[in-house]
Amino acid sequence: MEVFFAYSKPSLSDDNIDIVTGYIKVYGNEPFTFIGLETENEKQYSIKASDEVLIELRKAQGKKIEIKGAFEKSGKLSINELKDGYLIVLEWKVVK
């Protein structure tokens, strides 16, 4: 038996890419947690990134982070989607 998975990568136009600064937070209850970014003006984004990036961002919980990424908002909130949608991580760094 063979199983295949496919997904469509969101189009990342320059109009949809921005730099956002905020704090990494972990949401949910173990073992069903996910990470998000909360900005100083109270925007909340769920983070979409590779597994490796998610692991590194989780280690940065509570630190101020700058993320260059694209925004994605679904029509209805999903279980792991915060109120302002998803932030697809292209680049990130810890800032002071």
PDB file of N, CA and C in Angstrom:
ATOM      1  N   MET A   1       0.837  -1.171   0.000  1.00  0.00           N
ATOM      2  CA  MET A   1       0.000   0.000   0.000  1.00  0.00           C
ATOM      3  C   MET A   1       0.887   1.241   0.000  1.00  0.00           C
ATOM      4  N   GLU A   2       0.626   2.153  -0.899  1.00  0.00           N
ATOM      5  CA  GLU A   2       1.385   3.394  -0.975  1.00  0.00           C
ATOM      6  C   GLU A   2       0.499   4.552  -0.574  1.00  0.00           C
ATOM      7  N   VAL A   3       1.075   5.476   0.178  1.00  0.00           N
ATOM      8  CA  VAL A   3       0.347   6.665   0.607  1.00  0.00           C
ATOM      9  C   VAL A   3       1.115   7.890   0.132  1.00  0.00           C
ATOM     10  N   PHE A   4       0.414   8.822  -0.485  1.00  0.00           N
ATOM     11  CA  PHE A   4       1.040  10.037  -0.968  1.00  0.00           C
ATOM     12  C   PHE A   4       0.377  11.238  -0.322  1.00  0.00           C
ATOM     13  N   PHE A   5       1.164  12.251  -0.038  1.00  0.00           N
ATOM     14  CA  PHE A   5       0.639  13.496   0.510  1.00  0.00           C
ATOM     15  C   PHE A   5       1.014  14.625  -0.427  1.00  0.00           C
ATOM     16  N   ALA A   6       0.109  15.545  -0.584  1.00  0.00           N
ATOM     17  CA  ALA A   6       0.381  16.714  -1.418  1.00  0.00           C
ATOM     18  C   ALA A   6      -0.217  17.932  -0.754  1.00  0.00           C
ATOM     19  N   TYR A   7       0.419  19.044  -0.963  1.00  0.00           N
ATOM     20  CA  TYR A   7      -0.128  20.301  -0.467  1.00  0.00           C
ATOM     21  C   TYR A   7       0.303  21.393  -1.421  1.00  0.00           C
ATOM     22  N   SER A   8      -0.441  22.462  -1.400  1.00  0.00           N
ATOM     23  CA  SER A   8      -0.061  23.580  -2.249  1.00  0.00           C
ATOM     24  C   SER A   8       0.618  24.630  -1.386  1.00  0.00           C
ATOM     25  N   LYS A   9       1.758  25.053  -1.816  1.00  0.00           N
ATOM     26  CA  LYS A   9       2.500  26.086  -1.098  1.00  0.00           C
ATOM     27  C   LYS A   9       1.848  27.427  -1.411  1.00  0.00           C
ATOM     28  N   PRO A  10       1.600  28.254  -0.402  1.00  0.00           N
ATOM     29  CA  PRO A  10       0.964  29.528  -0.670  1.00  0.00           C
ATOM     30  C   PRO A  10       1.851  30.401  -1.544  1.00  0.00           C
ATOM     31  N   SER A  11       1.216  31.202  -2.386  1.00  0.00           N
ATOM     32  CA  SER A  11       2.009  32.104  -3.212  1.00  0.00           C
ATOM     33  C   SER A  11       2.534  33.223  -2.323  1.00  0.00           C
ATOM     34  N   LEU A  12       3.804  33.497  -2.434  1.00  0.00           N
ATOM     35  CA  LEU A  12       4.440  34.478  -1.575  1.00  0.00           C
ATOM     36  C   LEU A  12       4.837  35.694  -2.406  1.00  0.00           C
ATOM     37  N   SER A  13       3.870  36.527  -2.694  1.00  0.00           N
ATOM     38  CA  SER A  13       4.161  37.740  -3.435  1.00  0.00           C
ATOM     39  C   SER A  13       4.784  38.765  -2.499  1.00  0.00           C
ATOM     40  N   ASP A  14       5.530  39.702  -3.064  1.00  0.00           N
ATOM     41  CA  ASP A  14       6.166  40.745  -2.256  1.00  0.00           C
ATOM     42  C   ASP A  14       5.140  41.569  -1.493  1.00  0.00           C
ATOM     43  N   ASP A  15       3.916  41.666  -2.003  1.00  0.00           N
ATOM     44  CA  ASP A  15       2.853  42.418  -1.330  1.00  0.00           C
ATOM     45  C   ASP A  15       2.448  41.757  -0.023  1.00  0.00           C
ATOM     46  N   ASN A  16       2.673  40.463   0.086  1.00  0.00           N
ATOM     47  CA  ASN A  16       2.216  39.690   1.234  1.00  0.00           C
ATOM     48  C   ASN A  16       3.337  39.450   2.248  1.00  0.00           C
ATOM     49  N   ILE A  17       4.538  39.923   1.970  1.00  0.00           N
ATOM     50  CA  ILE A  17       5.689  39.679   2.842  1.00  0.00           C
ATOM     51  C   ILE A  17       5.970  40.930   3.669  1.00  0.00           C
ATOM     52  N   ASP A  18       6.210  40.713   4.956  1.00  0.00           N
ATOM     53  CA  ASP A  18       6.485  41.822   5.859  1.00  0.00           C
ATOM     54  C   ASP A  18       7.405  41.333   6.968  1.00  0.00           C
ATOM     55  N   ILE A  19       7.896  42.265   7.761  1.00  0.00           N
ATOM     56  CA  ILE A  19       8.713  41.932   8.925  1.00  0.00           C
ATOM     57  C   ILE A  19       7.905  42.266  10.169  1.00  0.00           C
ATOM     58  N   VAL A  20       7.776  41.288  11.061  1.00  0.00           N
ATOM     59  CA  VAL A  20       6.975  41.431  12.270  1.00  0.00           C
ATOM     60  C   VAL A  20       7.862  41.131  13.467  1.00  0.00           C
ATOM     61  N   THR A  21       7.712  41.936  14.520  1.00  0.00           N
ATOM     62  CA  THR A  21       8.466  41.722  15.746  1.00  0.00           C
ATOM     63  C   THR A  21       7.504  41.397  16.876  1.00  0.00           C
ATOM     64  N   GLY A  22       7.858  40.417  17.683  1.00  0.00           N
ATOM     65  CA  GLY A  22       7.010  40.038  18.803  1.00  0.00           C
ATOM     66  C   GLY A  22       7.680  38.968  19.640  1.00  0.00           C
ATOM     67  N   TYR A  23       6.883  38.300  20.436  1.00  0.00           N
ATOM     68  CA  TYR A  23       7.379  37.296  21.371  1.00  0.00           C
ATOM     69  C   TYR A  23       6.798  35.930  21.038  1.00  0.00           C
ATOM     70  N   ILE A  24       7.660  34.919  21.050  1.00  0.00           N
ATOM     71  CA  ILE A  24       7.228  33.543  20.802  1.00  0.00           C
ATOM     72  C   ILE A  24       6.501  33.034  22.038  1.00  0.00           C
ATOM     73  N   LYS A  25       5.335  32.436  21.816  1.00  0.00           N
ATOM     74  CA  LYS A  25       4.557  31.839  22.897  1.00  0.00           C
ATOM     75  C   LYS A  25       4.108  30.453  22.463  1.00  0.00           C
ATOM     76  N   VAL A  26       3.913  29.585  23.447  1.00  0.00           N
ATOM     77  CA  VAL A  26       3.402  28.242  23.176  1.00  0.00           C
ATOM     78  C   VAL A  26       1.943  28.211  23.608  1.00  0.00           C
ATOM     79  N   TYR A  27       1.094  27.735  22.730  1.00  0.00           N
ATOM     80  CA  TYR A  27      -0.351  27.673  22.963  1.00  0.00           C
ATOM     81  C   TYR A  27      -0.804  26.215  23.014  1.00  0.00           C
ATOM     82  N   GLY A  28      -1.935  25.972  23.638  1.00  0.00           N
ATOM     83  CA  GLY A  28      -2.514  24.637  23.709  1.00  0.00           C
ATOM     84  C   GLY A  28      -2.045  23.888  24.938  1.00  0.00           C
ATOM     85  N   ASN A  29      -2.401  22.608  24.974  1.00  0.00           N
ATOM     86  CA  ASN A  29      -2.042  21.727  26.088  1.00  0.00           C
ATOM     87  C   ASN A  29      -1.285  20.528  25.537  1.00  0.00           C
ATOM     88  N   GLU A  30      -0.286  20.088  26.302  1.00  0.00           N
ATOM     89  CA  GLU A  30       0.494  18.911  25.893  1.00  0.00           C
ATOM     90  C   GLU A  30      -0.438  17.725  25.724  1.00  0.00           C
ATOM     91  N   PRO A  31      -0.269  16.922  24.734  1.00  0.00           N
ATOM     92  CA  PRO A  31       0.771  16.935  23.716  1.00  0.00           C
ATOM     93  C   PRO A  31       0.377  17.726  22.466  1.00  0.00           C
ATOM     94  N   PHE A  32      -0.665  18.521  22.543  1.00  0.00           N
ATOM     95  CA  PHE A  32      -1.194  19.228  21.378  1.00  0.00           C
ATOM     96  C   PHE A  32      -0.890  20.720  21.462  1.00  0.00           C
ATOM     97  N   THR A  33       0.381  21.055  21.430  1.00  0.00           N
ATOM     98  CA  THR A  33       0.767  22.453  21.511  1.00  0.00           C
ATOM     99  C   THR A  33       1.187  22.966  20.137  1.00  0.00           C
ATOM    100  N   PHE A  34       1.173  24.273  19.989  1.00  0.00           N
ATOM    101  CA  PHE A  34       1.676  24.915  18.783  1.00  0.00           C
ATOM    102  C   PHE A  34       2.248  26.264  19.188  1.00  0.00           C
ATOM    103  N   ILE A  35       3.110  26.815  18.335  1.00  0.00           N
ATOM    104  CA  ILE A  35       3.713  28.081  18.698  1.00  0.00           C
ATOM    105  C   ILE A  35       3.130  29.209  17.866  1.00  0.00           C
ATOM    106  N   GLY A  36       3.185  30.384  18.478  1.00  0.00           N
ATOM    107  CA  GLY A  36       2.691  31.578  17.818  1.00  0.00           C
ATOM    108  C   GLY A  36       3.556  32.761  18.174  1.00  0.00           C
ATOM    109  N   LEU A  37       3.254  33.863  17.537  1.00  0.00           N
ATOM    110  CA  LEU A  37       3.954  35.111  17.789  1.00  0.00           C
ATOM    111  C   LEU A  37       2.931  36.140  18.235  1.00  0.00           C
ATOM    112  N   GLU A  38       3.219  36.815  19.352  1.00  0.00           N
ATOM    113  CA  GLU A  38       2.354  37.894  19.817  1.00  0.00           C
ATOM    114  C   GLU A  38       3.136  39.194  19.734  1.00  0.00           C
ATOM    115  N   THR A  39       2.575  40.161  19.002  1.00  0.00           N
ATOM    116  CA  THR A  39       3.251  41.439  18.819  1.00  0.00           C
ATOM    117  C   THR A  39       2.919  42.372  19.971  1.00  0.00           C
ATOM    118  N   GLU A  40       3.649  43.476  20.051  1.00  0.00           N
ATOM    119  CA  GLU A  40       3.409  44.445  21.117  1.00  0.00           C
ATOM    120  C   GLU A  40       2.058  45.136  20.969  1.00  0.00           C
ATOM    121  N   ASN A  41       1.504  45.162  19.754  1.00  0.00           N
ATOM    122  CA  ASN A  41       0.169  45.743  19.567  1.00  0.00           C
ATOM    123  C   ASN A  41      -0.917  44.665  19.583  1.00  0.00           C
ATOM    124  N   GLU A  42      -0.614  43.534  20.246  1.00  0.00           N
ATOM    125  CA  GLU A  42      -1.549  42.449  20.550  1.00  0.00           C
ATOM    126  C   GLU A  42      -2.074  41.673  19.343  1.00  0.00           C
ATOM    127  N   LYS A  43      -1.340  41.680  18.247  1.00  0.00           N
ATOM    128  CA  LYS A  43      -1.668  40.782  17.131  1.00  0.00           C
ATOM    129  C   LYS A  43      -1.118  39.411  17.499  1.00  0.00           C
ATOM    130  N   GLN A  44      -1.840  38.377  17.100  1.00  0.00           N
ATOM    131  CA  GLN A  44      -1.415  37.003  17.386  1.00  0.00           C
ATOM    132  C   GLN A  44      -1.447  36.180  16.108  1.00  0.00           C
ATOM    133  N   TYR A  45      -0.306  35.588  15.774  1.00  0.00           N
ATOM    134  CA  TYR A  45      -0.177  34.775  14.566  1.00  0.00           C
ATOM    135  C   TYR A  45       0.307  33.378  14.934  1.00  0.00           C
ATOM    136  N   SER A  46      -0.324  32.376  14.371  1.00  0.00           N
ATOM    137  CA  SER A  46       0.219  31.019  14.447  1.00  0.00           C
ATOM    138  C   SER A  46       1.395  30.957  13.491  1.00  0.00           C
ATOM    139  N   ILE A  47       2.398  30.182  13.836  1.00  0.00           N
ATOM    140  CA  ILE A  47       3.614  30.097  13.027  1.00  0.00           C
ATOM    141  C   ILE A  47       3.558  28.865  12.130  1.00  0.00           C
ATOM    142  N   LYS A  48       3.862  29.077  10.841  1.00  0.00           N
ATOM    143  CA  LYS A  48       4.048  27.976   9.900  1.00  0.00           C
ATOM    144  C   LYS A  48       5.502  28.016   9.450  1.00  0.00           C
ATOM    145  N   ALA A  49       6.187  26.890   9.630  1.00  0.00           N
ATOM    146  CA  ALA A  49       7.597  26.796   9.253  1.00  0.00           C
ATOM    147  C   ALA A  49       7.981  25.331   9.182  1.00  0.00           C
ATOM    148  N   SER A  50       9.202  25.081   8.748  1.00  0.00           N
ATOM    149  CA  SER A  50       9.706  23.703   8.719  1.00  0.00           C
ATOM    150  C   SER A  50       9.823  23.199  10.153  1.00  0.00           C
ATOM    151  N   ASP A  51       9.876  21.896  10.307  1.00  0.00           N
ATOM    152  CA  ASP A  51      10.012  21.308  11.644  1.00  0.00           C
ATOM    153  C   ASP A  51      11.267  21.814  12.347  1.00  0.00           C
ATOM    154  N   GLU A  52      12.362  21.964  11.599  1.00  0.00           N
ATOM    155  CA  GLU A  52      13.608  22.435  12.190  1.00  0.00           C
ATOM    156  C   GLU A  52      13.457  23.860  12.722  1.00  0.00           C
ATOM    157  N   VAL A  53      12.814  24.721  11.962  1.00  0.00           N
ATOM    158  CA  VAL A  53      12.617  26.107  12.392  1.00  0.00           C
ATOM    159  C   VAL A  53      11.680  26.151  13.595  1.00  0.00           C
ATOM    160  N   LEU A  54      10.635  25.342  13.587  1.00  0.00           N
ATOM    161  CA  LEU A  54       9.705  25.315  14.720  1.00  0.00           C
ATOM    162  C   LEU A  54      10.418  24.895  16.009  1.00  0.00           C
ATOM    163  N   ILE A  55      11.324  23.935  15.912  1.00  0.00           N
ATOM    164  CA  ILE A  55      12.087  23.494  17.084  1.00  0.00           C
ATOM    165  C   ILE A  55      12.939  24.642  17.614  1.00  0.00           C
ATOM    166  N   GLU A  56      13.615  25.353  16.723  1.00  0.00           N
ATOM    167  CA  GLU A  56      14.459  26.474  17.146  1.00  0.00           C
ATOM    168  C   GLU A  56      13.621  27.620  17.712  1.00  0.00           C
ATOM    169  N   LEU A  57      12.490  27.913  17.106  1.00  0.00           N
ATOM    170  CA  LEU A  57      11.623  28.980  17.617  1.00  0.00           C
ATOM    171  C   LEU A  57      11.054  28.613  18.986  1.00  0.00           C
ATOM    172  N   ARG A  58      10.717  27.351  19.178  1.00  0.00           N
ATOM    173  CA  ARG A  58      10.203  26.916  20.485  1.00  0.00           C
ATOM    174  C   ARG A  58      11.248  27.163  21.580  1.00  0.00           C
ATOM    175  N   LYS A  59      12.529  26.953  21.244  1.00  0.00           N
ATOM    176  CA  LYS A  59      13.611  27.216  22.201  1.00  0.00           C
ATOM    177  C   LYS A  59      13.721  28.710  22.521  1.00  0.00           C
ATOM    178  N   ALA A  60      13.206  29.546  21.629  1.00  0.00           N
ATOM    179  CA  ALA A  60      13.271  31.001  21.821  1.00  0.00           C
ATOM    180  C   ALA A  60      12.021  31.546  22.516  1.00  0.00           C
ATOM    181  N   GLN A  61      11.234  30.665  23.110  1.00  0.00           N
ATOM    182  CA  GLN A  61      10.007  31.093  23.788  1.00  0.00           C
ATOM    183  C   GLN A  61      10.310  32.209  24.786  1.00  0.00           C
ATOM    184  N   GLY A  62       9.513  33.265  24.737  1.00  0.00           N
ATOM    185  CA  GLY A  62       9.665  34.387  25.650  1.00  0.00           C
ATOM    186  C   GLY A  62      10.651  35.441  25.180  1.00  0.00           C
ATOM    187  N   LYS A  63      11.410  35.137  24.140  1.00  0.00           N
ATOM    188  CA  LYS A  63      12.374  36.106  23.616  1.00  0.00           C
ATOM    189  C   LYS A  63      11.718  36.956  22.528  1.00  0.00           C
ATOM    190  N   LYS A  64      12.279  38.142  22.336  1.00  0.00           N
ATOM    191  CA  LYS A  64      11.790  39.016  21.284  1.00  0.00           C
ATOM    192  C   LYS A  64      12.392  38.545  19.961  1.00  0.00           C
ATOM    193  N   ILE A  65      11.523  38.330  18.984  1.00  0.00           N
ATOM    194  CA  ILE A  65      11.908  37.742  17.706  1.00  0.00           C
ATOM    195  C   ILE A  65      11.464  38.664  16.576  1.00  0.00           C
ATOM    196  N   GLU A  66      12.270  38.724  15.535  1.00  0.00           N
ATOM    197  CA  GLU A  66      11.883  39.422  14.310  1.00  0.00           C
ATOM    198  C   GLU A  66      11.730  38.362  13.227  1.00  0.00           C
ATOM    199  N   ILE A  67      10.565  38.338  12.601  1.00  0.00           N
ATOM    200  CA  ILE A  67      10.286  37.346  11.564  1.00  0.00           C
ATOM    201  C   ILE A  67       9.953  38.053  10.263  1.00  0.00           C
ATOM    202  N   LYS A  68      10.637  37.642   9.210  1.00  0.00           N
ATOM    203  CA  LYS A  68      10.268  38.064   7.859  1.00  0.00           C
ATOM    204  C   LYS A  68       9.411  36.928   7.321  1.00  0.00           C
ATOM    205  N   GLY A  69       8.184  37.262   6.949  1.00  0.00           N
ATOM    206  CA  GLY A  69       7.302  36.197   6.508  1.00  0.00           C
ATOM    207  C   GLY A  69       6.104  36.691   5.744  1.00  0.00           C
ATOM    208  N   ALA A  70       5.280  35.751   5.368  1.00  0.00           N
ATOM    209  CA  ALA A  70       4.057  36.026   4.618  1.00  0.00           C
ATOM    210  C   ALA A  70       2.863  35.686   5.496  1.00  0.00           C
ATOM    211  N   PHE A  71       1.795  36.425   5.307  1.00  0.00           N
ATOM    212  CA  PHE A  71       0.588  36.236   6.101  1.00  0.00           C
ATOM    213  C   PHE A  71      -0.417  35.389   5.336  1.00  0.00           C
ATOM    214  N   GLU A  72      -1.138  34.573   6.104  1.00  0.00           N
ATOM    215  CA  GLU A  72      -2.167  33.714   5.522  1.00  0.00           C
ATOM    216  C   GLU A  72      -3.316  33.662   6.515  1.00  0.00           C
ATOM    217  N   LYS A  73      -4.513  33.888   6.036  1.00  0.00           N
ATOM    218  CA  LYS A  73      -5.684  33.827   6.921  1.00  0.00           C
ATOM    219  C   LYS A  73      -6.727  32.955   6.240  1.00  0.00           C
ATOM    220  N   SER A  74      -7.219  31.969   6.979  1.00  0.00           N
ATOM    221  CA  SER A  74      -8.256  31.104   6.417  1.00  0.00           C
ATOM    222  C   SER A  74      -9.614  31.762   6.618  1.00  0.00           C
ATOM    223  N   GLY A  75     -10.593  31.263   5.938  1.00  0.00           N
ATOM    224  CA  GLY A  75     -11.941  31.815   6.060  1.00  0.00           C
ATOM    225  C   GLY A  75     -12.534  31.598   7.443  1.00  0.00           C
ATOM    226  N   LYS A  76     -12.231  30.451   8.035  1.00  0.00           N
ATOM    227  CA  LYS A  76     -12.710  30.113   9.378  1.00  0.00           C
ATOM    228  C   LYS A  76     -11.499  29.778  10.235  1.00  0.00           C
ATOM    229  N   LEU A  77     -11.578  30.104  11.509  1.00  0.00           N
ATOM    230  CA  LEU A  77     -10.478  29.753  12.402  1.00  0.00           C
ATOM    231  C   LEU A  77     -10.390  28.241  12.547  1.00  0.00           C
ATOM    232  N   SER A  78      -9.188  27.725  12.388  1.00  0.00           N
ATOM    233  CA  SER A  78      -8.978  26.302  12.641  1.00  0.00           C
ATOM    234  C   SER A  78      -8.493  26.149  14.076  1.00  0.00           C
ATOM    235  N   ILE A  79      -8.332  24.928  14.506  1.00  0.00           N
ATOM    236  CA  ILE A  79      -8.004  24.662  15.908  1.00  0.00           C
ATOM    237  C   ILE A  79      -6.657  25.258  16.320  1.00  0.00           C
ATOM    238  N   ASN A  80      -5.695  25.351  15.415  1.00  0.00           N
ATOM    239  CA  ASN A  80      -4.378  25.884  15.749  1.00  0.00           C
ATOM    240  C   ASN A  80      -4.131  27.267  15.151  1.00  0.00           C
ATOM    241  N   GLU A  81      -5.178  27.934  14.719  1.00  0.00           N
ATOM    242  CA  GLU A  81      -5.023  29.254  14.113  1.00  0.00           C
ATOM    243  C   GLU A  81      -5.385  30.337  15.120  1.00  0.00           C
ATOM    244  N   LEU A  82      -4.447  31.233  15.349  1.00  0.00           N
ATOM    245  CA  LEU A  82      -4.710  32.353  16.248  1.00  0.00           C
ATOM    246  C   LEU A  82      -5.502  33.429  15.510  1.00  0.00           C
ATOM    247  N   LYS A  83      -5.975  34.420  16.245  1.00  0.00           N
ATOM    248  CA  LYS A  83      -6.976  35.368  15.723  1.00  0.00           C
ATOM    249  C   LYS A  83      -6.542  36.150  14.485  1.00  0.00           C
ATOM    250  N   ASP A  84      -5.248  36.375  14.297  1.00  0.00           N
ATOM    251  CA  ASP A  84      -4.803  37.155  13.144  1.00  0.00           C
ATOM    252  C   ASP A  84      -4.239  36.303  12.016  1.00  0.00           C
ATOM    253  N   GLY A  85      -4.422  34.987  12.106  1.00  0.00           N
ATOM    254  CA  GLY A  85      -4.035  34.093  11.023  1.00  0.00           C
ATOM    255  C   GLY A  85      -2.667  33.462  11.234  1.00  0.00           C
ATOM    256  N   TYR A  86      -2.073  33.075  10.119  1.00  0.00           N
ATOM    257  CA  TYR A  86      -0.780  32.394  10.131  1.00  0.00           C
ATOM    258  C   TYR A  86       0.310  33.324   9.629  1.00  0.00           C
ATOM    259  N   LEU A  87       1.513  33.124  10.149  1.00  0.00           N
ATOM    260  CA  LEU A  87       2.705  33.794   9.657  1.00  0.00           C
ATOM    261  C   LEU A  87       3.642  32.706   9.157  1.00  0.00           C
ATOM    262  N   ILE A  88       3.902  32.716   7.852  1.00  0.00           N
ATOM    263  CA  ILE A  88       4.776  31.724   7.235  1.00  0.00           C
ATOM    264  C   ILE A  88       6.195  32.273   7.298  1.00  0.00           C
ATOM    265  N   VAL A  89       7.058  31.593   8.027  1.00  0.00           N
ATOM    266  CA  VAL A  89       8.406  32.088   8.316  1.00  0.00           C
ATOM    267  C   VAL A  89       9.334  31.890   7.114  1.00  0.00           C
ATOM    268  N   LEU A  90       9.933  32.993   6.676  1.00  0.00           N
ATOM    269  CA  LEU A  90      10.955  32.944   5.640  1.00  0.00           C
ATOM    270  C   LEU A  90      12.348  33.110   6.274  1.00  0.00           C
ATOM    271  N   GLU A  91      12.439  34.036   7.218  1.00  0.00           N
ATOM    272  CA  GLU A  91      13.682  34.277   7.954  1.00  0.00           C
ATOM    273  C   GLU A  91      13.303  34.744   9.361  1.00  0.00           C
ATOM    274  N   TRP A  92      14.186  34.519  10.315  1.00  0.00           N
ATOM    275  CA  TRP A  92      13.918  35.010  11.671  1.00  0.00           C
ATOM    276  C   TRP A  92      15.219  35.222  12.416  1.00  0.00           C
ATOM    277  N   LYS A  93      15.150  36.081  13.458  1.00  0.00           N
ATOM    278  CA  LYS A  93      16.302  36.293  14.314  1.00  0.00           C
ATOM    279  C   LYS A  93      15.820  36.827  15.661  1.00  0.00           C
ATOM    280  N   VAL A  94      16.631  36.601  16.687  1.00  0.00           N
ATOM    281  CA  VAL A  94      16.372  37.144  18.006  1.00  0.00           C
ATOM    282  C   VAL A  94      16.844  38.592  17.995  1.00  0.00           C
ATOM    283  N   VAL A  95      16.036  39.496  18.547  1.00  0.00           N
ATOM    284  CA  VAL A  95      16.415  40.906  18.633  1.00  0.00           C
ATOM    285  C   VAL A  95      16.439  41.348  20.088  1.00  0.00           C
ATOM    286  N   LYS A  96      17.111  42.439  20.347  1.00  0.00           N
ATOM    287  CA  LYS A  96      17.198  42.959  21.723  1.00  0.00           C
ATOM    288  C   LYS A  96      16.196  44.041  21.943  1.00  0.00           C
TER     289      LYS A  96
END
